[in-house]
Structures are given as structure tokens and as C-alpha cells.
Amino acid sequence: MSSTTLKNDRTMGPKIAEQVCYALYSTSGAVTQAYASLLSPFQLTYSQFVVMMGLWQQDAVSVTELGRFIGLSKATLTPMLKTLENRGYLQRNRVPGNERTMAITLTRQGRDFARQAEQVAEQALCATGLTKEEAAQLIALCDKVKRRLNSDKE
């Protein structure tokens, strides 16, 4: 077999359309783009929205705890938290007796935004074309994959 034949062989390697990793990667990009237009009136990125969702479930937490909960590193979170603080969504305060730890708490504006965020999330779901049941199934499958892959790290 010549090298020319190998270069033109279209069955070489894994097929992209059959790879779970690519399906997750490309879908994640499309969903993030959908959220971008929905969040732009609030001057938020999707990553900042994820931080807010984490805080609506666990307010008054340390940066480390928040990062663990939403799956982002402290280094990634810190600039986002500064931006969110500057926009009035949250406050960062040193924990008394532990100057190295910052407590992150929602402001009134941050708590009030939760109601609008529910509409953003509903619009994003509508944009996907999934029913609530299909979305729940997809979330369950993603959680299964994440648990399995994370269990290998422990």
C-alpha cells in the first residue's frame, strides 16, 4: 500500500461523529453560545452564570468550597469573583480569624437576579429543543460519565 493511499483513506482513526468526547465538547460550545446571547443583557458570561448558580445553592462559602462545588479552580474563580463583585452580584470578605480565607456571599442584587436567571435557564432549555424529561435524561447521563471518570482519580 502506498503512502498516497494512506493519506486518502477516509476510514483512518476514530470517526468524530462516534466519539462521546466530541459530542460533549461540540454540544457544550453550542449551549454556551446560546447562553451568551441570553446573558449579555446582564453583562455575564456563561462561566460567571455558573458561579452564580453555585452561590444560589451554597451562599456564604469559601472560594475553595465554591470551586469544588462547581468544578472550577481557585485560580479560575478569583478573577470571575472580582468581576461579579464589581458588578454588585456578590461580596468577598475575609473570614475573621482566618485572613487567608475569603467568604463569598450574595448581595441583594445577586439574590434578586436568581428570579431572572430562572427565565434565562428556561429560554436556554427551549433553545435546545429538549423536553424537560429529555434534559433530565441528558443530565443523568452526563453525571454518570463524570462520576465514573472522577472515581478513577480518587
Protein backbone atom coordinates (compact mmCIF):
# COMPACT_ATOMS: atom_id res chain seq x y z
CA MET A 1 0.00 0.00 0.00
CA SER A 2 1.48 3.37 -0.96
CA SER A 3 1.70 6.40 1.29
CA THR A 4 -0.69 8.20 -1.06
CA THR A 5 -3.34 5.58 -0.39
CA LEU A 6 -2.93 6.02 3.36
CA LYS A 7 -3.31 9.80 3.14
CA ASN A 8 -6.57 9.46 1.22
CA ASP A 9 -8.01 6.66 3.38
CA ARG A 10 -11.05 8.27 4.97
CA THR A 11 -11.56 5.45 7.49
CA MET A 12 -8.33 6.15 9.32
CA GLY A 13 -8.65 6.76 13.05
CA PRO A 14 -11.78 7.18 15.15
CA LYS A 15 -14.79 8.75 13.48
CA ILE A 16 -15.52 12.10 15.08
CA ALA A 17 -19.30 11.65 14.93
CA GLU A 18 -19.00 8.46 17.00
CA GLN A 19 -16.95 9.94 19.85
CA VAL A 20 -18.61 10.81 23.14
CA CYS A 21 -15.88 13.35 23.86
CA TYR A 22 -16.60 15.28 20.67
CA ALA A 23 -20.36 15.14 21.17
CA LEU A 24 -19.94 16.64 24.65
CA TYR A 25 -17.36 19.19 23.51
CA SER A 26 -19.28 20.47 20.50
CA THR A 27 -22.62 20.50 22.32
CA SER A 28 -21.09 22.36 25.23
CA GLY A 29 -19.86 25.03 22.83
CA ALA A 30 -23.29 25.38 21.22
CA VAL A 31 -25.08 25.60 24.58
CA THR A 32 -22.56 28.15 25.87
CA GLN A 33 -23.20 30.28 22.76
CA ALA A 34 -26.95 30.11 23.36
CA TYR A 35 -26.46 31.28 26.93
CA ALA A 36 -24.13 34.09 25.79
CA SER A 37 -26.93 35.91 23.99
CA LEU A 38 -29.34 35.34 26.88
CA LEU A 39 -26.84 36.59 29.47
CA SER A 40 -25.49 39.59 27.57
CA PRO A 41 -28.20 41.97 28.91
CA PHE A 42 -26.87 41.16 32.41
CA GLN A 43 -23.21 41.56 31.37
CA LEU A 44 -22.50 37.98 32.40
CA THR A 45 -20.57 35.21 30.73
CA TYR A 46 -21.73 31.61 30.99
CA SER A 47 -18.89 30.84 33.42
CA GLN A 48 -19.98 33.72 35.65
CA PHE A 49 -23.55 32.39 35.44
CA VAL A 50 -22.28 29.01 36.67
CA VAL A 51 -20.68 30.78 39.64
CA MET A 52 -23.99 32.48 40.41
CA MET A 53 -25.88 29.18 40.18
CA GLY A 54 -23.39 27.68 42.62
CA LEU A 55 -23.89 30.56 45.05
CA TRP A 56 -27.68 30.32 44.84
CA GLN A 57 -27.31 26.78 46.13
CA GLN A 58 -24.48 27.42 48.59
CA ASP A 59 -24.22 31.04 49.73
CA ALA A 60 -21.58 32.24 52.18
CA VAL A 61 -18.87 29.79 51.14
CA SER A 62 -15.12 29.98 50.69
CA VAL A 63 -13.58 30.24 47.24
CA THR A 64 -12.23 26.70 47.68
CA GLU A 65 -15.65 25.29 48.62
CA LEU A 66 -17.34 27.08 45.73
CA GLY A 67 -14.70 25.86 43.30
CA ARG A 68 -15.11 22.29 44.47
CA PHE A 69 -18.91 22.54 44.15
CA ILE A 70 -18.94 23.92 40.59
CA GLY A 71 -15.75 22.27 39.34
CA LEU A 72 -13.57 25.33 38.80
CA SER A 73 -10.12 26.03 40.21
CA LYS A 74 -9.39 28.84 42.65
CA ALA A 75 -7.19 30.47 40.00
CA THR A 76 -10.07 30.45 37.51
CA LEU A 77 -12.63 31.63 40.05
CA THR A 78 -10.76 34.57 41.55
CA PRO A 79 -10.95 36.93 38.54
CA MET A 80 -14.59 35.97 37.94
CA LEU A 81 -15.45 36.69 41.56
CA LYS A 82 -13.77 40.10 41.35
CA THR A 83 -15.83 40.92 38.25
CA LEU A 84 -19.06 39.73 39.85
CA GLU A 85 -18.27 41.75 42.95
CA ASN A 86 -17.60 44.88 40.84
CA ARG A 87 -20.98 44.36 39.14
CA GLY A 88 -22.73 44.16 42.51
CA TYR A 89 -23.73 40.46 42.48
CA LEU A 90 -21.62 39.31 45.44
CA GLN A 91 -19.27 40.35 48.22
CA ARG A 92 -15.92 38.87 49.13
CA ASN A 93 -14.90 39.25 52.76
CA ARG A 94 -12.05 37.85 54.79
CA VAL A 95 -13.13 35.28 57.35
CA PRO A 96 -12.49 36.61 60.88
CA GLY A 97 -9.69 34.61 62.48
CA ASN A 98 -8.54 33.24 59.10
CA GLU A 99 -7.13 36.04 56.96
CA ARG A 100 -6.27 33.63 54.13
CA THR A 101 -9.87 32.59 53.53
CA MET A 102 -12.39 34.68 51.62
CA ALA A 103 -16.12 34.17 52.26
CA ILE A 104 -18.27 34.71 49.18
CA THR A 105 -21.81 35.94 49.82
CA LEU A 106 -24.55 37.09 47.51
CA THR A 107 -25.71 40.69 47.65
CA ARG A 108 -29.37 41.62 47.38
CA GLN A 109 -28.80 42.19 43.66
CA GLY A 110 -27.28 38.70 43.37
CA ARG A 111 -30.22 37.11 45.17
CA ASP A 112 -32.75 39.12 43.12
CA PHE A 113 -31.09 38.04 39.88
CA ALA A 114 -31.98 34.41 40.71
CA ARG A 115 -35.57 35.05 39.58
CA GLN A 116 -34.44 36.41 36.22
CA ALA A 117 -31.95 33.57 35.90
CA GLU A 118 -34.77 31.05 36.06
CA GLN A 119 -36.18 32.64 32.90
CA VAL A 120 -32.73 32.57 31.27
CA ALA A 121 -32.40 28.85 32.04
CA GLU A 122 -35.91 28.17 30.72
CA GLN A 123 -35.15 30.04 27.48
CA ALA A 124 -31.90 28.12 27.10
CA LEU A 125 -33.73 24.83 27.55
CA CYS A 126 -36.28 25.88 24.91
CA ALA A 127 -33.44 26.75 22.54
CA THR A 128 -32.12 23.17 22.79
CA GLY A 129 -35.41 21.69 21.63
CA LEU A 130 -35.27 19.19 24.51
CA THR A 131 -38.22 18.46 26.73
CA LYS A 132 -37.70 18.69 30.49
CA GLU A 133 -37.69 14.88 30.59
CA GLU A 134 -35.04 14.64 27.86
CA ALA A 135 -32.96 17.28 29.64
CA ALA A 136 -33.17 15.26 32.86
CA GLN A 137 -32.03 12.13 31.00
CA LEU A 138 -29.12 14.00 29.43
CA ILE A 139 -28.08 15.44 32.80
CA ALA A 140 -28.25 11.97 34.36
CA LEU A 141 -26.05 10.52 31.60
CA CYS A 142 -23.52 13.35 31.92
CA ASP A 143 -23.45 12.87 35.71
CA LYS A 144 -22.85 9.15 35.22
CA VAL A 145 -19.89 9.82 32.92
CA LYS A 146 -18.48 12.48 35.27
CA ARG A 147 -18.80 10.24 38.35
CA ARG A 148 -17.09 7.36 36.57
CA LEU A 149 -14.22 9.48 35.27
CA ASN A 150 -13.78 11.26 38.59
CA SER A 151 -13.80 7.98 40.52
CA ASP A 152 -10.70 6.95 38.59
CA LYS A 153 -8.89 9.98 40.08
CA GLU A 154 -9.68 9.11 43.69
